[in-house]
């Protein structure tokens, strides 16, 4: 228990000022180095992502959209429904603003990560593209230090994903309790579904996520927006608290124990990064499998992911919790994971509210675990080979079952944060150092005559002329 308490204490320290300096500062540098492409080219990025979500399937590898849905499957998870309320309960409404700030900066970070993943990817023994920090550290940074950082990243991510999966499963199983479903049985059911999907490899995973992710996100957003509009009179004050409390903290009220600026930053930053994964380097494992003509084109989907996951899905969750006032309910600190259910129950009644949230969490968790099992396999493959990776997948299946045994969510989130800290550092070192190579790729993409951006622009002009 002493070791666990020490890990929680270290996590609480790391996800304060250190994480702001590493991910916030590093991401700000990368964004500046890339000309804040997530803002300056946001219109074009939207046209290439939101505007092409249902483009044709590719014969080699998977389509850019499928790669993005695999990555989104990882990012849109229990943290969007359960983690955001935890951040508000422990950090106050101001945690939402810090989550937004880290997300906007994180768009640039993830853009860089995805581009590097494509730049330095390789083909494995089965002919599939593989990539990620373990490749761009080793090949991009080069030398013994680059190789060492790649190994450190792959090893600790491979290990970290086990408690992360347990966290996701615990979130789903906690919701299932409200429906009278046995936690352990629910955990085993999730584990079986995950095993069946993941045994089909990246193409089966992509075929599942490109259908599941848009549907589950759309249904959840619709429900959350109905809840917010039903309490629209409370929206201005909720938004006011988000901006004010981020810099002042919030006094105790009702069941809310109060927060400080440090707590708002700690929980907002941690939940935002854990949710959209910008700075963690996980998404390139999925994006590297995409059939795409240029690294920068695929990198735009990184901006798409952070926008959808944090600036849209996490935001509506946070607003739903605030406008309904459930974050100040008596006893909520003892069951922060049920705040979303309480919010929906306030409008739809306990029966429908519990069912709706439980079903959403189940699909969010299922998609996330499917994606991160793939990520974990790629780390194991890099370190120990393809055969070991296929065996290691079963460690994650077991972790899913363990998550159904009933675990304290805030403690489990803190332990996961500790493990995440061990992979953030090597990844951000590589992203910061290699950012100039991505900038060179951006210049090539937007300025090469007759190709990429200029070809897209010419084709659009020709189509407009014909119309």
Protein backbone atom coordinates (compact mmCIF):
# COMPACT_ATOMS: atom_id res chain seq x y z
CA UNK A 1 0.00 0.00 0.00
CA UNK A 2 2.91 2.34 0.71
CA UNK A 3 4.17 1.86 -2.85
CA UNK A 4 0.73 2.65 -4.26
CA UNK A 5 0.47 5.80 -2.12
CA UNK A 6 3.94 6.87 -3.30
CA UNK A 7 2.93 6.38 -6.96
CA UNK A 8 -0.26 8.39 -6.41
CA UNK A 9 1.74 11.20 -4.76
CA UNK A 10 4.25 11.27 -7.65
CA UNK A 11 1.40 11.29 -10.19
CA UNK A 12 -0.30 14.20 -8.40
CA UNK A 13 2.98 16.16 -8.53
CA UNK A 14 3.85 15.26 -12.12
CA UNK A 15 0.45 16.18 -13.55
CA UNK A 16 0.76 19.71 -12.21
CA UNK A 17 3.59 22.07 -13.18
CA UNK A 18 5.83 19.34 -14.73
CA UNK A 19 3.16 18.22 -17.20
CA UNK A 20 2.40 21.85 -18.06
CA UNK A 21 6.08 22.36 -18.89
CA UNK A 22 6.58 19.09 -20.77
CA UNK A 23 3.35 18.72 -22.75
CA UNK A 24 2.13 22.30 -22.56
CA UNK A 25 5.52 23.93 -23.11
CA UNK A 26 6.71 21.29 -25.57
CA UNK A 27 3.42 21.45 -27.45
CA UNK A 28 3.55 25.24 -27.56
CA UNK A 29 7.06 25.10 -29.04
CA UNK A 30 5.96 22.55 -31.64
CA UNK A 31 2.88 24.62 -32.51
CA UNK A 32 5.02 27.75 -32.95
CA UNK A 33 7.58 25.80 -35.00
CA UNK A 34 4.79 24.55 -37.29
CA UNK A 35 3.21 28.01 -37.60
CA UNK A 36 0.22 27.00 -35.46
CA UNK A 37 -1.02 24.93 -38.37
CA UNK A 38 -3.96 23.68 -36.29
CA UNK A 39 -5.33 27.24 -36.43
CA UNK A 40 -3.85 28.77 -39.60
CA UNK A 41 -4.95 25.82 -41.75
CA UNK A 42 -7.98 24.74 -39.72
CA UNK A 43 -10.43 25.30 -42.60
CA UNK A 44 -8.41 23.14 -44.97
CA UNK A 45 -7.88 20.51 -42.26
CA UNK A 46 -11.65 20.31 -41.76
CA UNK A 47 -12.18 19.89 -45.51
CA UNK A 48 -9.70 17.00 -45.55
CA UNK A 49 -11.08 15.29 -42.43
CA UNK A 50 -14.71 16.09 -41.58
CA UNK A 51 -15.25 16.62 -45.32
CA UNK A 52 -13.84 13.21 -46.28
CA UNK A 53 -14.98 10.99 -43.44
CA UNK A 54 -16.68 8.53 -45.74
CA UNK A 55 -14.23 8.37 -48.60
CA UNK A 56 -13.41 5.18 -50.47
CA UNK A 57 -11.68 2.25 -48.77
CA UNK A 58 -8.06 1.61 -49.68
CA UNK A 59 -6.66 -1.69 -50.87
CA UNK A 60 -3.25 -1.33 -49.22
CA UNK A 61 -3.34 -0.91 -45.47
CA UNK A 62 -6.41 0.99 -44.26
CA UNK A 63 -7.97 4.30 -45.27
CA UNK A 64 -6.95 7.56 -43.56
CA UNK A 65 -10.40 7.77 -41.97
CA UNK A 66 -10.21 4.20 -40.71
CA UNK A 67 -6.81 4.96 -39.16
CA UNK A 68 -8.35 7.99 -37.48
CA UNK A 69 -11.28 5.98 -36.13
CA UNK A 70 -8.90 3.42 -34.64
CA UNK A 71 -7.07 6.28 -32.92
CA UNK A 72 -10.38 7.90 -31.95
CA UNK A 73 -11.56 4.57 -30.57
CA UNK A 74 -8.64 4.81 -28.19
CA UNK A 75 -9.20 8.45 -27.25
CA UNK A 76 -13.02 8.47 -27.01
CA UNK A 77 -13.43 6.24 -24.01
CA UNK A 78 -14.60 6.17 -20.42
CA UNK A 79 -12.54 9.28 -19.71
CA UNK A 80 -14.97 11.30 -21.84
CA UNK A 81 -17.95 10.27 -19.72
CA UNK A 82 -16.41 9.27 -16.38
CA UNK A 83 -13.01 11.01 -16.35
CA UNK A 84 -14.35 14.51 -17.04
CA UNK A 85 -16.74 14.38 -14.05
CA UNK A 86 -13.83 13.14 -11.91
CA UNK A 87 -11.82 16.18 -13.04
CA UNK A 88 -14.68 18.53 -12.10
CA UNK A 89 -15.30 16.79 -8.77
CA UNK A 90 -11.63 17.03 -7.75
CA UNK A 91 -10.48 20.14 -9.63
CA UNK A 92 -13.63 22.21 -9.94
CA UNK A 93 -15.20 23.78 -13.07
CA UNK A 94 -11.89 25.52 -13.88
CA UNK A 95 -10.41 22.13 -14.83
CA UNK A 96 -12.41 22.36 -18.08
CA UNK A 97 -10.53 25.47 -19.24
CA UNK A 98 -7.15 23.84 -18.65
CA UNK A 99 -8.43 20.85 -20.60
CA UNK A 100 -9.29 23.16 -23.52
CA UNK A 101 -5.94 24.95 -23.45
CA UNK A 102 -4.00 21.69 -23.45
CA UNK A 103 -6.25 20.42 -26.28
CA UNK A 104 -5.62 23.41 -28.58
CA UNK A 105 -1.89 23.10 -28.03
CA UNK A 106 -2.21 19.32 -28.26
CA UNK A 107 -3.60 19.60 -31.80
CA UNK A 108 -0.14 20.74 -32.90
CA UNK A 109 1.56 18.01 -30.89
CA UNK A 110 -0.57 15.24 -32.35
CA UNK A 111 -0.18 16.65 -35.85
CA UNK A 112 3.57 16.32 -35.39
CA UNK A 113 3.31 12.81 -33.88
CA UNK A 114 1.19 11.46 -36.73
CA UNK A 115 3.41 13.01 -39.40
CA UNK A 116 6.51 11.48 -37.78
CA UNK A 117 4.74 8.13 -37.55
CA UNK A 118 4.24 8.11 -41.34
CA UNK A 119 7.72 9.46 -42.05
CA UNK A 120 9.54 6.73 -40.15
CA UNK A 121 7.18 3.77 -40.49
CA UNK A 122 8.30 0.33 -41.67
CA UNK A 123 6.67 -2.91 -42.80
CA UNK A 124 6.58 -5.90 -40.47
CA UNK A 125 7.04 -9.57 -41.34
CA UNK A 126 3.37 -9.83 -42.39
CA UNK A 127 3.62 -6.84 -44.74
CA UNK A 128 1.72 -4.38 -42.53
CA UNK A 129 2.91 -0.84 -41.92
CA UNK A 130 4.07 -0.24 -38.34
CA UNK A 131 5.18 3.02 -36.78
CA UNK A 132 5.17 5.22 -33.71
CA UNK A 133 7.56 6.77 -31.18
CA UNK A 134 9.60 3.58 -30.95
CA UNK A 135 10.43 4.04 -34.65
CA UNK A 136 10.79 7.81 -34.88
CA UNK A 137 12.91 7.88 -31.71
CA UNK A 138 15.25 5.21 -33.02
CA UNK A 139 15.41 6.27 -36.68
CA UNK A 140 14.68 9.99 -36.37
CA UNK A 141 16.84 10.87 -33.38
CA UNK A 142 19.31 8.13 -34.26
CA UNK A 143 22.29 6.92 -32.27
CA UNK A 144 22.29 5.10 -28.93
CA UNK A 145 20.18 7.79 -27.23
CA UNK A 146 17.42 7.61 -29.85
CA UNK A 147 17.36 3.83 -29.68
CA UNK A 148 17.30 3.92 -25.88
CA UNK A 149 14.40 6.38 -25.81
CA UNK A 150 12.47 4.22 -28.28
CA UNK A 151 12.98 1.13 -26.14
CA UNK A 152 12.02 2.96 -22.94
CA UNK A 153 8.88 4.29 -24.60
CA UNK A 154 7.79 0.94 -26.01
CA UNK A 155 8.46 -0.98 -22.79
CA UNK A 156 6.64 1.36 -20.43
CA UNK A 157 3.68 1.86 -22.80
CA UNK A 158 3.39 -1.92 -23.14
CA UNK A 159 3.22 -2.15 -19.33
CA UNK A 160 1.07 0.96 -18.79
CA UNK A 161 -1.70 -0.24 -21.06
CA UNK A 162 -2.57 -3.05 -18.65
CA UNK A 163 -3.75 -0.74 -15.80
CA UNK A 164 -5.18 1.63 -18.41
CA UNK A 165 -7.35 -1.16 -19.80
CA UNK A 166 -8.34 -2.15 -16.26
CA UNK A 167 -9.38 1.49 -15.68
CA UNK A 168 -11.55 1.49 -18.79
CA UNK A 169 -13.14 -1.84 -17.89
CA UNK A 170 -13.75 -0.69 -14.29
CA UNK A 171 -15.54 2.40 -15.60
CA UNK A 172 -17.85 0.29 -17.76
CA UNK A 173 -18.50 -2.26 -15.03
CA UNK A 174 -19.29 0.48 -12.48
CA UNK A 175 -21.96 1.76 -14.85
CA UNK A 176 -23.28 -1.77 -15.30
CA UNK A 177 -23.92 -2.08 -11.56
CA UNK A 178 -26.69 0.50 -11.92
CA UNK A 179 -28.38 -1.92 -14.32
CA UNK A 180 -28.04 -4.86 -11.98
CA UNK A 181 -25.25 -6.51 -14.00
CA UNK A 182 -22.58 -8.37 -12.07
CA UNK A 183 -19.25 -6.54 -12.46
CA UNK A 184 -17.13 -9.62 -12.96
CA UNK A 185 -19.49 -11.13 -15.51
CA UNK A 186 -19.59 -7.83 -17.40
CA UNK A 187 -15.78 -7.67 -17.38
CA UNK A 188 -15.51 -11.19 -18.80
CA UNK A 189 -18.04 -10.35 -21.52
CA UNK A 190 -16.04 -7.28 -22.59
CA UNK A 191 -12.83 -9.34 -22.58
CA UNK A 192 -14.35 -11.98 -24.89
CA UNK A 193 -15.54 -9.37 -27.42
CA UNK A 194 -12.15 -7.64 -27.38
CA UNK A 195 -10.30 -10.92 -27.96
CA UNK A 196 -12.49 -11.85 -30.94
CA UNK A 197 -12.03 -8.47 -32.65
CA UNK A 198 -8.31 -8.07 -31.95
CA UNK A 199 -7.40 -11.50 -33.27
CA UNK A 200 -8.38 -10.22 -36.72
CA UNK A 201 -5.58 -7.64 -36.75
CA UNK A 202 -5.62 -4.00 -37.79
CA UNK A 203 -8.00 -4.46 -40.74
CA UNK A 204 -10.69 -6.11 -38.62
CA UNK A 205 -10.19 -3.50 -35.90
CA UNK A 206 -10.53 -0.72 -38.48
CA UNK A 207 -13.65 -2.30 -39.99
CA UNK A 208 -15.24 -2.33 -36.53
CA UNK A 209 -14.16 1.14 -35.39
CA UNK A 210 -15.08 3.00 -38.60
CA UNK A 211 -18.70 2.00 -37.94
CA UNK A 212 -18.76 2.01 -34.14
CA UNK A 213 -17.01 5.32 -33.44
CA UNK A 214 -19.21 7.69 -35.52
CA UNK A 215 -22.40 5.99 -34.29
CA UNK A 216 -21.53 5.91 -30.59
CA UNK A 217 -20.15 9.46 -30.58
CA UNK A 218 -23.20 10.78 -32.45
CA UNK A 219 -25.71 9.14 -30.12
CA UNK A 220 -23.87 10.34 -27.01
CA UNK A 221 -23.53 13.91 -28.30
CA UNK A 222 -27.23 14.04 -29.15
CA UNK A 223 -28.19 12.97 -25.63
CA UNK A 224 -25.76 15.41 -24.01
CA UNK A 225 -26.94 18.33 -26.14
CA UNK A 226 -30.58 17.61 -25.23
CA UNK A 227 -29.57 17.67 -21.56
CA UNK A 228 -27.69 20.96 -21.95
CA UNK A 229 -30.53 22.68 -23.83
CA UNK A 230 -33.01 21.50 -21.21
CA UNK A 231 -30.91 23.42 -18.66
CA UNK A 232 -29.95 26.28 -20.98
CA UNK A 233 -30.65 28.90 -18.32
CA UNK A 234 -27.69 27.57 -16.32
CA UNK A 235 -25.28 27.57 -19.27
CA UNK A 236 -23.99 31.17 -18.93
CA UNK A 237 -23.09 30.69 -15.26
CA UNK A 238 -21.47 27.33 -16.03
CA UNK A 239 -19.26 28.89 -18.71
CA UNK A 240 -18.47 31.76 -16.35
CA UNK A 241 -17.30 29.33 -13.65
CA UNK A 242 -15.09 27.49 -16.15
CA UNK A 243 -13.15 30.67 -16.99
CA UNK A 244 -13.13 32.23 -13.51
CA UNK A 245 -12.31 29.14 -11.46
CA UNK A 246 -9.36 28.16 -13.63
CA UNK A 247 -7.46 31.12 -12.15
CA UNK A 248 -9.09 31.47 -8.72
CA UNK A 249 -10.17 28.00 -7.63
CA UNK A 250 -13.65 27.35 -6.24
CA UNK A 251 -14.91 27.42 -2.67
CA UNK A 252 -16.60 24.39 -1.13
CA UNK A 253 -20.31 24.11 -1.96
CA UNK A 254 -22.69 21.25 -1.22
CA UNK A 255 -20.85 17.95 -1.66
CA UNK A 256 -17.98 19.70 -3.51
CA UNK A 257 -14.99 20.04 -1.19
CA UNK A 258 -13.48 23.05 -2.97
CA UNK A 259 -10.49 23.38 -5.30
CA UNK A 260 -7.41 25.48 -5.94
CA UNK A 261 -5.78 26.67 -9.15
CA UNK A 262 -3.25 23.87 -8.78
CA UNK A 263 -6.00 21.24 -8.48
CA UNK A 264 -7.87 22.66 -11.47
CA UNK A 265 -4.67 22.52 -13.54
CA UNK A 266 -3.71 19.06 -12.28
CA UNK A 267 -7.03 17.38 -13.04
CA UNK A 268 -7.87 19.36 -16.17
CA UNK A 269 -4.47 18.71 -17.73
CA UNK A 270 -4.39 15.04 -16.75
CA UNK A 271 -7.88 14.22 -17.97
CA UNK A 272 -7.44 16.22 -21.17
CA UNK A 273 -4.15 14.53 -22.07
CA UNK A 274 -5.40 11.11 -20.99
CA UNK A 275 -8.49 11.59 -23.13
CA UNK A 276 -7.03 12.95 -26.39
CA UNK A 277 -3.56 11.38 -25.91
CA UNK A 278 -1.70 14.31 -27.49
CA UNK A 279 1.88 14.02 -26.27
CA UNK A 280 1.58 10.34 -25.41
CA UNK A 281 2.57 9.15 -28.89
CA UNK A 282 -0.03 6.38 -29.03
CA UNK A 283 -2.03 7.48 -32.08
CA UNK A 284 0.81 7.06 -34.65
CA UNK A 285 0.60 3.29 -34.16
CA UNK A 286 -2.82 3.39 -35.83
CA UNK A 287 -2.12 6.17 -38.32
CA UNK A 288 1.05 4.49 -39.57
CA UNK A 289 -1.12 1.76 -41.12
CA UNK A 290 -2.92 4.26 -43.36
CA UNK A 291 -2.65 4.29 -47.15
CA UNK A 292 -1.88 7.96 -47.73
CA UNK A 293 0.12 10.03 -50.23
CA UNK A 294 1.93 12.32 -47.75
CA UNK A 295 2.63 12.39 -43.98
CA UNK A 296 1.08 15.85 -43.63
CA UNK A 297 -2.23 14.75 -45.11
CA UNK A 298 -2.55 12.02 -42.49
CA UNK A 299 -1.34 14.38 -39.75
CA UNK A 300 -4.47 16.48 -40.28
CA UNK A 301 -6.47 13.62 -38.82
CA UNK A 302 -4.54 14.15 -35.60
CA UNK A 303 -6.09 17.62 -35.31
CA UNK A 304 -9.47 16.07 -36.14
CA UNK A 305 -9.10 13.58 -33.27
CA UNK A 306 -8.28 16.15 -30.59
CA UNK A 307 -11.08 18.41 -31.82
CA UNK A 308 -13.69 15.65 -31.70
CA UNK A 309 -12.49 14.01 -28.51
CA UNK A 310 -11.76 16.94 -26.21
CA UNK A 311 -13.15 20.14 -27.71
CA UNK A 312 -16.47 18.47 -28.57
CA UNK A 313 -17.17 15.26 -26.62
CA UNK A 314 -15.39 16.13 -23.35
CA UNK A 315 -16.82 19.64 -23.48
CA UNK A 316 -20.45 18.57 -23.75
CA UNK A 317 -19.89 16.11 -20.88
CA UNK A 318 -18.44 18.83 -18.69
CA UNK A 319 -21.25 21.26 -19.53
CA UNK A 320 -23.88 18.59 -18.85
CA UNK A 321 -22.39 18.00 -15.38
CA UNK A 322 -22.23 21.73 -14.60
CA UNK A 323 -25.62 22.89 -15.91
CA UNK A 324 -27.46 20.13 -14.04
CA UNK A 325 -25.62 20.97 -10.78
CA UNK A 326 -24.90 17.33 -9.92
CA UNK A 327 -21.23 18.16 -9.27
CA UNK A 328 -22.28 19.74 -5.95
CA UNK A 329 -24.57 16.89 -4.87
CA UNK A 330 -24.03 15.49 -1.38
CA UNK A 331 -21.85 12.38 -1.33
CA UNK A 332 -20.75 12.73 -4.95
CA UNK A 333 -17.06 12.42 -3.98
CA UNK A 334 -17.72 8.85 -2.88
CA UNK A 335 -19.04 7.97 -6.34
CA UNK A 336 -17.66 10.42 -8.90
CA UNK A 337 -18.02 7.80 -11.62
CA UNK A 338 -21.82 8.05 -11.37
CA UNK A 339 -22.07 11.83 -11.94
CA UNK A 340 -22.96 11.40 -15.60
CA UNK A 341 -25.78 9.05 -14.68
CA UNK A 342 -27.00 11.55 -12.09
CA UNK A 343 -27.00 14.30 -14.72
CA UNK A 344 -29.08 12.29 -17.19
CA UNK A 345 -31.38 11.04 -14.44
CA UNK A 346 -32.17 14.66 -13.52
CA UNK A 347 -33.93 15.05 -16.89
CA UNK A 348 -34.83 11.58 -18.14
CA UNK A 349 -35.36 9.78 -14.85
CA UNK A 350 -33.12 7.24 -13.17
CA UNK A 351 -34.24 4.35 -15.36
CA UNK A 352 -33.50 5.81 -18.79
CA UNK A 353 -30.57 7.92 -17.54
CA UNK A 354 -28.77 4.93 -16.06
CA UNK A 355 -29.36 2.79 -19.13
CA UNK A 356 -28.28 5.51 -21.59
CA UNK A 357 -25.01 6.29 -19.79
CA UNK A 358 -24.23 2.63 -19.15
CA UNK A 359 -24.71 1.73 -22.83
CA UNK A 360 -22.61 4.70 -24.00
CA UNK A 361 -19.81 3.89 -21.57
CA UNK A 362 -19.88 0.25 -22.65
CA UNK A 363 -19.36 1.10 -26.32
CA UNK A 364 -16.81 3.83 -25.54
CA UNK A 365 -14.86 1.39 -23.36
CA UNK A 366 -15.15 -1.47 -25.82
CA UNK A 367 -13.79 0.62 -28.70
CA UNK A 368 -10.99 2.01 -26.53
CA UNK A 369 -9.82 -1.36 -25.27
CA UNK A 370 -9.87 -2.79 -28.80
CA UNK A 371 -7.64 0.04 -30.02
CA UNK A 372 -5.18 0.05 -27.11
CA UNK A 373 -4.74 -3.73 -27.25
CA UNK A 374 -3.51 -3.14 -30.81
CA UNK A 375 -1.20 -0.38 -29.55
CA UNK A 376 0.19 -2.69 -26.88
CA UNK A 377 0.80 -5.44 -29.39
CA UNK A 378 2.82 -3.05 -31.55
CA UNK A 379 5.09 -2.16 -28.59
CA UNK A 380 5.58 -5.84 -27.79
CA UNK A 381 6.31 -6.59 -31.46
CA UNK A 382 8.94 -3.86 -31.61
CA UNK A 383 10.65 -5.13 -28.48
CA UNK A 384 10.28 -8.89 -28.66
CA UNK A 385 8.91 -9.86 -32.07
CA UNK A 386 5.55 -10.73 -33.63
CA UNK A 387 5.05 -14.08 -31.86
CA UNK A 388 5.52 -12.56 -28.41
CA UNK A 389 3.14 -9.71 -29.33
CA UNK A 390 0.34 -12.15 -30.12
CA UNK A 391 0.88 -13.82 -26.73
CA UNK A 392 1.07 -10.47 -24.90
CA UNK A 393 -2.38 -9.52 -26.18
CA UNK A 394 -3.82 -11.99 -23.65
CA UNK A 395 -2.31 -9.98 -20.77
CA UNK A 396 -4.62 -7.15 -21.80
CA UNK A 397 -7.59 -9.49 -22.04
CA UNK A 398 -6.92 -10.59 -18.45
CA UNK A 399 -6.57 -6.92 -17.40
CA UNK A 400 -10.07 -6.34 -18.75
CA UNK A 401 -11.41 -9.03 -16.45
CA UNK A 402 -9.47 -7.59 -13.49
CA UNK A 403 -11.12 -4.23 -14.13
CA UNK A 404 -14.45 -5.88 -13.49
CA UNK A 405 -13.50 -6.87 -9.94
CA UNK A 406 -14.34 -3.44 -8.53
CA UNK A 407 -11.57 -0.84 -8.14
CA UNK A 408 -11.57 2.71 -6.77
CA UNK A 409 -11.58 4.89 -9.92
CA UNK A 410 -9.75 8.02 -8.64
CA UNK A 411 -6.93 5.84 -7.29
CA UNK A 412 -6.76 3.81 -10.50
CA UNK A 413 -6.68 7.00 -12.58
CA UNK A 414 -3.80 8.31 -10.44
CA UNK A 415 -1.84 5.08 -10.91
CA UNK A 416 -2.45 5.24 -14.66
CA UNK A 417 -1.25 8.86 -14.65
CA UNK A 418 1.98 7.71 -12.98
CA UNK A 419 2.63 5.16 -15.72
CA UNK A 420 1.74 7.67 -18.46
CA UNK A 421 4.40 10.01 -17.12
CA UNK A 422 7.05 7.42 -17.96
CA UNK A 423 6.19 7.51 -21.68
CA UNK A 424 5.44 11.22 -22.07
CA UNK A 425 9.06 12.26 -21.53
CA UNK A 426 10.78 10.19 -24.28
CA UNK A 427 7.99 10.90 -26.76
CA UNK A 428 8.03 14.66 -26.20
CA UNK A 429 11.82 14.76 -26.51
CA UNK A 430 11.53 13.18 -29.96
CA UNK A 431 8.59 15.37 -31.03
CA UNK A 432 10.36 18.59 -30.03
CA UNK A 433 13.67 17.62 -31.65
CA UNK A 434 12.07 16.33 -34.87
CA UNK A 435 9.55 19.17 -35.29
CA UNK A 436 11.77 20.90 -37.93
CA UNK A 437 11.46 17.79 -40.12
CA UNK A 438 7.68 18.04 -39.90
CA UNK A 439 7.88 21.75 -40.78
CA UNK A 440 9.87 20.79 -43.86
CA UNK A 441 7.13 18.31 -44.73
CA UNK A 442 4.47 21.01 -44.32
CA UNK A 443 6.34 23.32 -46.69
CA UNK A 444 6.60 20.50 -49.22
CA UNK A 445 2.91 19.61 -48.94
CA UNK A 446 1.60 23.15 -49.35
CA UNK A 447 4.10 24.45 -51.93
CA UNK A 448 4.93 21.63 -54.36
CA UNK A 449 3.56 22.63 -57.81
CA UNK A 450 0.94 20.23 -59.15
CA UNK A 451 0.89 18.03 -56.05
CA UNK A 452 -0.83 17.68 -52.68
CA UNK A 453 -2.39 20.98 -51.54
CA UNK A 454 -1.95 22.84 -54.85
CA UNK A 455 -3.36 19.86 -56.76
CA UNK A 456 -6.34 19.78 -54.39
CA UNK A 457 -6.83 23.50 -54.87
CA UNK A 458 -6.68 23.19 -58.67
CA UNK A 459 -9.13 20.28 -58.66
CA UNK A 460 -11.56 22.25 -56.50
CA UNK A 461 -11.32 25.27 -58.79
CA UNK A 462 -11.91 23.09 -61.86
CA UNK A 463 -14.95 21.45 -60.28
CA UNK A 464 -16.36 24.87 -59.32
CA UNK A 465 -15.82 26.13 -62.87
CA UNK A 466 -17.62 23.16 -64.36
CA UNK A 467 -20.53 23.63 -61.98
